[in-house]
Amino acid sequence: MEIVLIRHGKPEAAVRGEKAGKVCAVDYTRWIKAYKHSNVIASSHPEKVCITKYRAYYSISSTLKRAVQSATIFTGSEPRQRWKSLQEMDIPRYKLPG
């Protein structure tokens, strides 16, 4: 048996965040929400040889959109199972007075 772990591709929201520079607390909260629901950028797609090699593998991903999309891109089909327990830690945000 072979187990292959892949990391999701770079989210579109990460690229927009890099271009935006500094943001206020309200914009940061919006960015986090966009990041959680972001698509994977095209430049993060694997080489065709990966898709061919791993097409027949049984895939499992977290429930996050970018994880499901990355697994689909990598294997050529949607993951057979989606586990919330595989989600990465949320980006912390704090509500401070003032």
PDB file of N, CA and C in Angstrom:
ATOM      1  N   MET A   1       0.845  -1.168   0.000  1.00  0.00           N
ATOM      2  CA  MET A   1       0.000   0.000   0.000  1.00  0.00           C
ATOM      3  C   MET A   1       0.898   1.242   0.000  1.00  0.00           C
ATOM      4  N   GLU A   2       0.500   2.220  -0.750  1.00  0.00           N
ATOM      5  CA  GLU A   2       1.228   3.486  -0.811  1.00  0.00           C
ATOM      6  C   GLU A   2       0.288   4.604  -0.389  1.00  0.00           C
ATOM      7  N   ILE A   3       0.747   5.472   0.490  1.00  0.00           N
ATOM      8  CA  ILE A   3      -0.026   6.640   0.924  1.00  0.00           C
ATOM      9  C   ILE A   3       0.709   7.877   0.434  1.00  0.00           C
ATOM     10  N   VAL A   4      -0.010   8.734  -0.263  1.00  0.00           N
ATOM     11  CA  VAL A   4       0.568   9.963  -0.811  1.00  0.00           C
ATOM     12  C   VAL A   4      -0.155  11.139  -0.166  1.00  0.00           C
ATOM     13  N   LEU A   5       0.589  12.036   0.436  1.00  0.00           N
ATOM     14  CA  LEU A   5       0.014  13.244   1.024  1.00  0.00           C
ATOM     15  C   LEU A   5       0.307  14.421   0.101  1.00  0.00           C
ATOM     16  N   ILE A   6      -0.714  15.199  -0.173  1.00  0.00           N
ATOM     17  CA  ILE A   6      -0.504  16.405  -0.976  1.00  0.00           C
ATOM     18  C   ILE A   6      -1.036  17.601  -0.197  1.00  0.00           C
ATOM     19  N   ARG A   7      -0.424  18.700  -0.426  1.00  0.00           N
ATOM     20  CA  ARG A   7      -0.881  19.945   0.182  1.00  0.00           C
ATOM     21  C   ARG A   7      -1.705  20.662  -0.856  1.00  0.00           C
ATOM     22  N   HIS A   8      -2.714  21.392  -0.396  1.00  0.00           N
ATOM     23  CA  HIS A   8      -3.539  22.099  -1.372  1.00  0.00           C
ATOM     24  C   HIS A   8      -2.718  23.149  -2.103  1.00  0.00           C
ATOM     25  N   GLY A   9      -3.169  23.497  -3.288  1.00  0.00           N
ATOM     26  CA  GLY A   9      -2.488  24.521  -4.077  1.00  0.00           C
ATOM     27  C   GLY A   9      -2.676  25.896  -3.456  1.00  0.00           C
ATOM     28  N   LYS A  10      -1.960  26.858  -3.968  1.00  0.00           N
ATOM     29  CA  LYS A  10      -2.021  28.213  -3.430  1.00  0.00           C
ATOM     30  C   LYS A  10      -3.396  28.830  -3.704  1.00  0.00           C
ATOM     31  N   PRO A  11      -4.077  29.318  -2.665  1.00  0.00           N
ATOM     32  CA  PRO A  11      -5.399  29.916  -2.845  1.00  0.00           C
ATOM     33  C   PRO A  11      -5.329  31.279  -3.550  1.00  0.00           C
ATOM     34  N   GLU A  12      -6.338  31.561  -4.375  1.00  0.00           N
ATOM     35  CA  GLU A  12      -6.412  32.857  -5.056  1.00  0.00           C
ATOM     36  C   GLU A  12      -6.388  34.005  -4.053  1.00  0.00           C
ATOM     37  N   ALA A  13      -7.039  33.831  -2.913  1.00  0.00           N
ATOM     38  CA  ALA A  13      -7.098  34.884  -1.897  1.00  0.00           C
ATOM     39  C   ALA A  13      -5.718  35.215  -1.341  1.00  0.00           C
ATOM     40  N   ALA A  14      -4.812  34.255  -1.311  1.00  0.00           N
ATOM     41  CA  ALA A  14      -3.455  34.510  -0.825  1.00  0.00           C
ATOM     42  C   ALA A  14      -2.737  35.465  -1.772  1.00  0.00           C
ATOM     43  N   VAL A  15      -2.951  35.300  -3.053  1.00  0.00           N
ATOM     44  CA  VAL A  15      -2.323  36.183  -4.044  1.00  0.00           C
ATOM     45  C   VAL A  15      -2.898  37.591  -3.920  1.00  0.00           C
ATOM     46  N   ARG A  16      -4.225  37.685  -3.778  1.00  0.00           N
ATOM     47  CA  ARG A  16      -4.846  39.008  -3.616  1.00  0.00           C
ATOM     48  C   ARG A  16      -4.355  39.674  -2.334  1.00  0.00           C
ATOM     49  N   GLY A  17      -4.164  38.876  -1.265  1.00  0.00           N
ATOM     50  CA  GLY A  17      -3.677  39.420   0.001  1.00  0.00           C
ATOM     51  C   GLY A  17      -2.262  39.959  -0.112  1.00  0.00           C
ATOM     52  N   GLU A  18      -1.414  39.268  -0.879  1.00  0.00           N
ATOM     53  CA  GLU A  18      -0.037  39.724  -1.085  1.00  0.00           C
ATOM     54  C   GLU A  18      -0.017  41.068  -1.816  1.00  0.00           C
ATOM     55  N   LYS A  19      -0.924  41.245  -2.758  1.00  0.00           N
ATOM     56  CA  LYS A  19      -0.985  42.493  -3.527  1.00  0.00           C
ATOM     57  C   LYS A  19      -1.564  43.639  -2.712  1.00  0.00           C
ATOM     58  N   ALA A  20      -2.462  43.313  -1.760  1.00  0.00           N
ATOM     59  CA  ALA A  20      -3.142  44.336  -0.971  1.00  0.00           C
ATOM     60  C   ALA A  20      -2.222  45.001   0.053  1.00  0.00           C
ATOM     61  N   GLY A  21      -1.233  44.281   0.535  1.00  0.00           N
ATOM     62  CA  GLY A  21      -0.352  44.837   1.564  1.00  0.00           C
ATOM     63  C   GLY A  21      -1.056  44.875   2.911  1.00  0.00           C
ATOM     64  N   LYS A  22      -0.859  45.950   3.648  1.00  0.00           N
ATOM     65  CA  LYS A  22      -1.472  46.068   4.972  1.00  0.00           C
ATOM     66  C   LYS A  22      -2.976  46.279   4.840  1.00  0.00           C
ATOM     67  N   VAL A  23      -3.729  45.700   5.781  1.00  0.00           N
ATOM     68  CA  VAL A  23      -5.179  45.855   5.801  1.00  0.00           C
ATOM     69  C   VAL A  23      -5.642  46.148   7.219  1.00  0.00           C
ATOM     70  N   CYS A  24      -6.817  46.775   7.332  1.00  0.00           N
ATOM     71  CA  CYS A  24      -7.389  47.042   8.654  1.00  0.00           C
ATOM     72  C   CYS A  24      -8.062  45.770   9.167  1.00  0.00           C
ATOM     73  N   ALA A  25      -8.510  45.793  10.415  1.00  0.00           N
ATOM     74  CA  ALA A  25      -9.095  44.608  11.042  1.00  0.00           C
ATOM     75  C   ALA A  25     -10.318  44.099  10.292  1.00  0.00           C
ATOM     76  N   VAL A  26     -11.170  45.000   9.818  1.00  0.00           N
ATOM     77  CA  VAL A  26     -12.374  44.600   9.089  1.00  0.00           C
ATOM     78  C   VAL A  26     -11.995  43.923   7.775  1.00  0.00           C
ATOM     79  N   ASP A  27     -11.048  44.501   7.054  1.00  0.00           N
ATOM     80  CA  ASP A  27     -10.596  43.900   5.798  1.00  0.00           C
ATOM     81  C   ASP A  27      -9.901  42.552   6.037  1.00  0.00           C
ATOM     82  N   TYR A  28      -9.207  42.435   7.155  1.00  0.00           N
ATOM     83  CA  TYR A  28      -8.533  41.182   7.494  1.00  0.00           C
ATOM     84  C   TYR A  28      -9.568  40.076   7.707  1.00  0.00           C
ATOM     85  N   THR A  29     -10.652  40.400   8.396  1.00  0.00           N
ATOM     86  CA  THR A  29     -11.727  39.436   8.623  1.00  0.00           C
ATOM     87  C   THR A  29     -12.327  39.002   7.293  1.00  0.00           C
ATOM     88  N   ARG A  30     -12.546  39.938   6.382  1.00  0.00           N
ATOM     89  CA  ARG A  30     -13.063  39.615   5.045  1.00  0.00           C
ATOM     90  C   ARG A  30     -12.072  38.733   4.287  1.00  0.00           C
ATOM     91  N   TRP A  31     -10.781  39.039   4.410  1.00  0.00           N
ATOM     92  CA  TRP A  31      -9.756  38.263   3.710  1.00  0.00           C
ATOM     93  C   TRP A  31      -9.738  36.815   4.212  1.00  0.00           C
ATOM     94  N   ILE A  32      -9.864  36.621   5.526  1.00  0.00           N
ATOM     95  CA  ILE A  32      -9.887  35.274   6.095  1.00  0.00           C
ATOM     96  C   ILE A  32     -11.065  34.485   5.528  1.00  0.00           C
ATOM     97  N   LYS A  33     -12.225  35.125   5.469  1.00  0.00           N
ATOM     98  CA  LYS A  33     -13.408  34.458   4.917  1.00  0.00           C
ATOM     99  C   LYS A  33     -13.182  34.096   3.446  1.00  0.00           C
ATOM    100  N   ALA A  34     -12.610  35.011   2.675  1.00  0.00           N
ATOM    101  CA  ALA A  34     -12.318  34.740   1.257  1.00  0.00           C
ATOM    102  C   ALA A  34     -11.293  33.621   1.124  1.00  0.00           C
ATOM    103  N   TYR A  35     -10.293  33.594   1.999  1.00  0.00           N
ATOM    104  CA  TYR A  35      -9.249  32.570   1.973  1.00  0.00           C
ATOM    105  C   TYR A  35      -9.847  31.180   2.185  1.00  0.00           C
ATOM    106  N   LYS A  36     -10.783  31.081   3.133  1.00  0.00           N
ATOM    107  CA  LYS A  36     -11.398  29.786   3.438  1.00  0.00           C
ATOM    108  C   LYS A  36     -12.206  29.235   2.266  1.00  0.00           C
ATOM    109  N   HIS A  37     -12.726  30.118   1.419  1.00  0.00           N
ATOM    110  CA  HIS A  37     -13.590  29.695   0.316  1.00  0.00           C
ATOM    111  C   HIS A  37     -12.935  29.895  -1.046  1.00  0.00           C
ATOM    112  N   SER A  38     -11.633  30.075  -1.052  1.00  0.00           N
ATOM    113  CA  SER A  38     -10.901  30.411  -2.265  1.00  0.00           C
ATOM    114  C   SER A  38     -10.648  29.211  -3.168  1.00  0.00           C
ATOM    115  N   ASN A  39     -10.571  29.483  -4.467  1.00  0.00           N
ATOM    116  CA  ASN A  39     -10.138  28.488  -5.445  1.00  0.00           C
ATOM    117  C   ASN A  39      -8.615  28.412  -5.451  1.00  0.00           C
ATOM    118  N   VAL A  40      -8.086  27.397  -6.081  1.00  0.00           N
ATOM    119  CA  VAL A  40      -6.645  27.211  -6.238  1.00  0.00           C
ATOM    120  C   VAL A  40      -6.201  27.914  -7.529  1.00  0.00           C
ATOM    121  N   ILE A  41      -5.086  28.655  -7.460  1.00  0.00           N
ATOM    122  CA  ILE A  41      -4.612  29.335  -8.664  1.00  0.00           C
ATOM    123  C   ILE A  41      -4.054  28.320  -9.664  1.00  0.00           C
ATOM    124  N   ALA A  42      -4.163  28.651 -10.930  1.00  0.00           N
ATOM    125  CA  ALA A  42      -3.759  27.736 -12.007  1.00  0.00           C
ATOM    126  C   ALA A  42      -2.284  27.349 -11.931  1.00  0.00           C
ATOM    127  N   SER A  43      -1.433  28.255 -11.471  1.00  0.00           N
ATOM    128  CA  SER A  43       0.003  27.945 -11.421  1.00  0.00           C
ATOM    129  C   SER A  43       0.344  26.898 -10.353  1.00  0.00           C
ATOM    130  N   SER A  44      -0.623  26.547  -9.512  1.00  0.00           N
ATOM    131  CA  SER A  44      -0.402  25.515  -8.496  1.00  0.00           C
ATOM    132  C   SER A  44      -0.759  24.116  -8.989  1.00  0.00           C
ATOM    133  N   HIS A  45      -1.202  24.009 -10.218  1.00  0.00           N
ATOM    134  CA  HIS A  45      -1.594  22.700 -10.738  1.00  0.00           C
ATOM    135  C   HIS A  45      -0.363  21.828 -10.967  1.00  0.00           C
ATOM    136  N   PRO A  46      -0.472  20.523 -10.664  1.00  0.00           N
ATOM    137  CA  PRO A  46       0.674  19.625 -10.852  1.00  0.00           C
ATOM    138  C   PRO A  46       0.908  19.302 -12.324  1.00  0.00           C
ATOM    139  N   GLU A  47       2.031  18.687 -12.583  1.00  0.00           N
ATOM    140  CA  GLU A  47       2.334  18.259 -13.949  1.00  0.00           C
ATOM    141  C   GLU A  47       1.369  17.142 -14.349  1.00  0.00           C
ATOM    142  N   LYS A  48       1.117  17.021 -15.629  1.00  0.00           N
ATOM    143  CA  LYS A  48       0.183  16.001 -16.150  1.00  0.00           C
ATOM    144  C   LYS A  48       0.572  14.590 -15.708  1.00  0.00           C
ATOM    145  N   VAL A  49       1.869  14.333 -15.568  1.00  0.00           N
ATOM    146  CA  VAL A  49       2.327  12.999 -15.169  1.00  0.00           C
ATOM    147  C   VAL A  49       1.759  12.598 -13.805  1.00  0.00           C
ATOM    148  N   CYS A  50       1.591  13.551 -12.901  1.00  0.00           N
ATOM    149  CA  CYS A  50       1.013  13.264 -11.585  1.00  0.00           C
ATOM    150  C   CYS A  50      -0.439  12.822 -11.727  1.00  0.00           C
ATOM    151  N   ILE A  51      -1.196  13.548 -12.534  1.00  0.00           N
ATOM    152  CA  ILE A  51      -2.604  13.221 -12.722  1.00  0.00           C
ATOM    153  C   ILE A  51      -2.739  11.812 -13.289  1.00  0.00           C
ATOM    154  N   THR A  52      -1.920  11.485 -14.253  1.00  0.00           N
ATOM    155  CA  THR A  52      -1.955  10.155 -14.858  1.00  0.00           C
ATOM    156  C   THR A  52      -1.569   9.082 -13.837  1.00  0.00           C
ATOM    157  N   LYS A  53      -0.521   9.339 -13.080  1.00  0.00           N
ATOM    158  CA  LYS A  53      -0.017   8.348 -12.122  1.00  0.00           C
ATOM    159  C   LYS A  53      -1.002   8.078 -10.980  1.00  0.00           C
ATOM    160  N   TYR A  54      -1.658   9.110 -10.484  1.00  0.00           N
ATOM    161  CA  TYR A  54      -2.490   8.972  -9.290  1.00  0.00           C
ATOM    162  C   TYR A  54      -3.993   8.888  -9.579  1.00  0.00           C
ATOM    163  N   ARG A  55      -4.368   8.804 -10.821  1.00  0.00           N
ATOM    164  CA  ARG A  55      -5.781   8.770 -11.211  1.00  0.00           C
ATOM    165  C   ARG A  55      -6.556   7.639 -10.511  1.00  0.00           C
ATOM    166  N   ALA A  56      -5.960   6.477 -10.382  1.00  0.00           N
ATOM    167  CA  ALA A  56      -6.654   5.311  -9.820  1.00  0.00           C
ATOM    168  C   ALA A  56      -6.599   5.254  -8.288  1.00  0.00           C
ATOM    169  N   TYR A  57      -5.891   6.169  -7.649  1.00  0.00           N
ATOM    170  CA  TYR A  57      -5.768   6.135  -6.194  1.00  0.00           C
ATOM    171  C   TYR A  57      -7.089   6.512  -5.524  1.00  0.00           C
ATOM    172  N   TYR A  58      -7.300   5.976  -4.331  1.00  0.00           N
ATOM    173  CA  TYR A  58      -8.455   6.324  -3.515  1.00  0.00           C
ATOM    174  C   TYR A  58      -8.097   7.617  -2.790  1.00  0.00           C
ATOM    175  N   SER A  59      -8.837   8.689  -3.045  1.00  0.00           N
ATOM    176  CA  SER A  59      -8.453   9.968  -2.441  1.00  0.00           C
ATOM    177  C   SER A  59      -9.434  10.406  -1.358  1.00  0.00           C
ATOM    178  N   ILE A  60      -8.860  11.033  -0.350  1.00  0.00           N
ATOM    179  CA  ILE A  60      -9.594  11.592   0.783  1.00  0.00           C
ATOM    180  C   ILE A  60      -9.068  13.009   0.969  1.00  0.00           C
ATOM    181  N   SER A  61      -9.958  13.954   1.245  1.00  0.00           N
ATOM    182  CA  SER A  61      -9.501  15.325   1.486  1.00  0.00           C
ATOM    183  C   SER A  61     -10.266  15.911   2.659  1.00  0.00           C
ATOM    184  N   SER A  62      -9.841  17.080   3.078  1.00  0.00           N
ATOM    185  CA  SER A  62     -10.626  17.802   4.073  1.00  0.00           C
ATOM    186  C   SER A  62     -11.857  18.360   3.356  1.00  0.00           C
ATOM    187  N   THR A  63     -12.712  19.020   4.093  1.00  0.00           N
ATOM    188  CA  THR A  63     -13.931  19.576   3.510  1.00  0.00           C
ATOM    189  C   THR A  63     -13.720  20.974   2.927  1.00  0.00           C
ATOM    190  N   LEU A  64     -12.542  21.550   3.121  1.00  0.00           N
ATOM    191  CA  LEU A  64     -12.277  22.889   2.585  1.00  0.00           C
ATOM    192  C   LEU A  64     -12.281  22.874   1.063  1.00  0.00           C
ATOM    193  N   LYS A  65     -12.837  23.921   0.482  1.00  0.00           N
ATOM    194  CA  LYS A  65     -12.963  24.014  -0.975  1.00  0.00           C
ATOM    195  C   LYS A  65     -11.635  23.804  -1.688  1.00  0.00           C
ATOM    196  N   ARG A  66     -10.581  24.470  -1.212  1.00  0.00           N
ATOM    197  CA  ARG A  66      -9.288  24.365  -1.902  1.00  0.00           C
ATOM    198  C   ARG A  66      -8.672  22.973  -1.776  1.00  0.00           C
ATOM    199  N   ALA A  67      -8.983  22.255  -0.687  1.00  0.00           N
ATOM    200  CA  ALA A  67      -8.483  20.892  -0.521  1.00  0.00           C
ATOM    201  C   ALA A  67      -9.203  19.938  -1.470  1.00  0.00           C
ATOM    202  N   VAL A  68     -10.514  20.083  -1.566  1.00  0.00           N
ATOM    203  CA  VAL A  68     -11.299  19.256  -2.486  1.00  0.00           C
ATOM    204  C   VAL A  68     -10.860  19.542  -3.924  1.00  0.00           C
ATOM    205  N   GLN A  69     -10.700  20.819  -4.239  1.00  0.00           N
ATOM    206  CA  GLN A  69     -10.276  21.195  -5.584  1.00  0.00           C
ATOM    207  C   GLN A  69      -8.870  20.678  -5.888  1.00  0.00           C
ATOM    208  N   SER A  70      -7.961  20.754  -4.939  1.00  0.00           N
ATOM    209  CA  SER A  70      -6.595  20.261  -5.143  1.00  0.00           C
ATOM    210  C   SER A  70      -6.581  18.756  -5.372  1.00  0.00           C
ATOM    211  N   ALA A  71      -7.362  18.015  -4.586  1.00  0.00           N
ATOM    212  CA  ALA A  71      -7.438  16.559  -4.771  1.00  0.00           C
ATOM    213  C   ALA A  71      -8.021  16.226  -6.139  1.00  0.00           C
ATOM    214  N   THR A  72      -9.017  16.986  -6.565  1.00  0.00           N
ATOM    215  CA  THR A  72      -9.632  16.772  -7.870  1.00  0.00           C
ATOM    216  C   THR A  72      -8.643  17.062  -8.994  1.00  0.00           C
ATOM    217  N   ILE A  73      -7.893  18.139  -8.857  1.00  0.00           N
ATOM    218  CA  ILE A  73      -6.880  18.501  -9.861  1.00  0.00           C
ATOM    219  C   ILE A  73      -5.796  17.427  -9.910  1.00  0.00           C
ATOM    220  N   PHE A  74      -5.370  16.961  -8.753  1.00  0.00           N
ATOM    221  CA  PHE A  74      -4.249  16.017  -8.659  1.00  0.00           C
ATOM    222  C   PHE A  74      -4.589  14.631  -9.199  1.00  0.00           C
ATOM    223  N   THR A  75      -5.832  14.180  -8.959  1.00  0.00           N
ATOM    224  CA  THR A  75      -6.198  12.816  -9.359  1.00  0.00           C
ATOM    225  C   THR A  75      -7.123  12.760 -10.567  1.00  0.00           C
ATOM    226  N   GLY A  76      -7.676  13.898 -10.960  1.00  0.00           N
ATOM    227  CA  GLY A  76      -8.589  13.915 -12.099  1.00  0.00           C
ATOM    228  C   GLY A  76     -10.034  13.611 -11.727  1.00  0.00           C
ATOM    229  N   SER A  77     -10.313  13.363 -10.429  1.00  0.00           N
ATOM    230  CA  SER A  77     -11.695  13.158  -9.983  1.00  0.00           C
ATOM    231  C   SER A  77     -11.841  13.624  -8.536  1.00  0.00           C
ATOM    232  N   GLU A  78     -13.073  13.890  -8.146  1.00  0.00           N
ATOM    233  CA  GLU A  78     -13.309  14.378  -6.781  1.00  0.00           C
ATOM    234  C   GLU A  78     -12.910  13.323  -5.752  1.00  0.00           C
ATOM    235  N   PRO A  79     -12.502  13.758  -4.560  1.00  0.00           N
ATOM    236  CA  PRO A  79     -12.143  12.795  -3.520  1.00  0.00           C
ATOM    237  C   PRO A  79     -13.340  11.920  -3.159  1.00  0.00           C
ATOM    238  N   ARG A  80     -13.068  10.694  -2.833  1.00  0.00           N
ATOM    239  CA  ARG A  80     -14.144   9.754  -2.499  1.00  0.00           C
ATOM    240  C   ARG A  80     -14.691  10.000  -1.102  1.00  0.00           C
ATOM    241  N   GLN A  81     -13.868  10.584  -0.253  1.00  0.00           N
ATOM    242  CA  GLN A  81     -14.329  10.940   1.087  1.00  0.00           C
ATOM    243  C   GLN A  81     -13.790  12.325   1.436  1.00  0.00           C
ATOM    244  N   ARG A  82     -14.561  13.041   2.251  1.00  0.00           N
ATOM    245  CA  ARG A  82     -14.152  14.364   2.740  1.00  0.00           C
ATOM    246  C   ARG A  82     -14.291  14.348   4.256  1.00  0.00           C
ATOM    247  N   TRP A  83     -13.186  14.601   4.927  1.00  0.00           N
ATOM    248  CA  TRP A  83     -13.174  14.553   6.389  1.00  0.00           C
ATOM    249  C   TRP A  83     -12.899  15.944   6.954  1.00  0.00           C
ATOM    250  N   LYS A  84     -13.798  16.427   7.768  1.00  0.00           N
ATOM    251  CA  LYS A  84     -13.591  17.720   8.428  1.00  0.00           C
ATOM    252  C   LYS A  84     -12.366  17.677   9.341  1.00  0.00           C
ATOM    253  N   SER A  85     -12.075  16.509   9.903  1.00  0.00           N
ATOM    254  CA  SER A  85     -10.940  16.369  10.817  1.00  0.00           C
ATOM    255  C   SER A  85      -9.589  16.616  10.133  1.00  0.00           C
ATOM    256  N   LEU A  86      -9.548  16.626   8.810  1.00  0.00           N
ATOM    257  CA  LEU A  86      -8.304  16.900   8.082  1.00  0.00           C
ATOM    258  C   LEU A  86      -8.078  18.388   7.811  1.00  0.00           C
ATOM    259  N   GLN A  87      -9.038  19.226   8.193  1.00  0.00           N
ATOM    260  CA  GLN A  87      -8.885  20.660   7.945  1.00  0.00           C
ATOM    261  C   GLN A  87      -7.712  21.224   8.729  1.00  0.00           C
ATOM    262  N   GLU A  88      -7.048  22.183   8.101  1.00  0.00           N
ATOM    263  CA  GLU A  88      -5.953  22.866   8.790  1.00  0.00           C
ATOM    264  C   GLU A  88      -6.516  23.805   9.844  1.00  0.00           C
ATOM    265  N   MET A  89      -5.658  24.237  10.728  1.00  0.00           N
ATOM    266  CA  MET A  89      -6.057  25.157  11.786  1.00  0.00           C
ATOM    267  C   MET A  89      -6.550  26.466  11.177  1.00  0.00           C
ATOM    268  N   ASP A  90      -7.603  27.035  11.772  1.00  0.00           N
ATOM    269  CA  ASP A  90      -8.094  28.331  11.303  1.00  0.00           C
ATOM    270  C   ASP A  90      -7.058  29.415  11.532  1.00  0.00           C
ATOM    271  N   ILE A  91      -7.080  30.418  10.677  1.00  0.00           N
ATOM    272  CA  ILE A  91      -6.218  31.591  10.863  1.00  0.00           C
ATOM    273  C   ILE A  91      -6.804  32.372  12.037  1.00  0.00           C
ATOM    274  N   PRO A  92      -5.996  32.653  13.060  1.00  0.00           N
ATOM    275  CA  PRO A  92      -6.544  33.348  14.235  1.00  0.00           C
ATOM    276  C   PRO A  92      -6.899  34.797  13.921  1.00  0.00           C
ATOM    277  N   ARG A  93      -7.935  35.257  14.557  1.00  0.00           N
ATOM    278  CA  ARG A  93      -8.290  36.666  14.486  1.00  0.00           C
ATOM    279  C   ARG A  93      -8.882  37.049  15.830  1.00  0.00           C
ATOM    280  N   TYR A  94      -8.657  38.249  16.208  1.00  0.00           N
ATOM    281  CA  TYR A  94      -9.064  38.706  17.540  1.00  0.00           C
ATOM    282  C   TYR A  94      -9.869  39.984  17.413  1.00  0.00           C
ATOM    283  N   LYS A  95     -10.900  40.095  18.240  1.00  0.00           N
ATOM    284  CA  LYS A  95     -11.681  41.321  18.289  1.00  0.00           C
ATOM    285  C   LYS A  95     -11.183  42.119  19.501  1.00  0.00           C
ATOM    286  N   LEU A  96     -10.462  43.169  19.210  1.00  0.00           N
ATOM    287  CA  LEU A  96      -9.935  44.022  20.272  1.00  0.00           C
ATOM    288  C   LEU A  96     -10.770  45.282  20.390  1.00  0.00           C
ATOM    289  N   PRO A  97     -10.963  45.779  21.595  1.00  0.00           N
ATOM    290  CA  PRO A  97     -11.739  47.010  21.742  1.00  0.00           C
ATOM    291  C   PRO A  97     -10.995  48.197  21.131  1.00  0.00           C
ATOM    292  N   GLY A  98     -11.803  49.107  20.577  1.00  0.00           N
ATOM    293  CA  GLY A  98     -11.193  50.336  20.057  1.00  0.00           C
ATOM    294  C   GLY A  98     -11.055  50.418  18.629  1.00  0.00           C
TER     295      GLY A  98
END
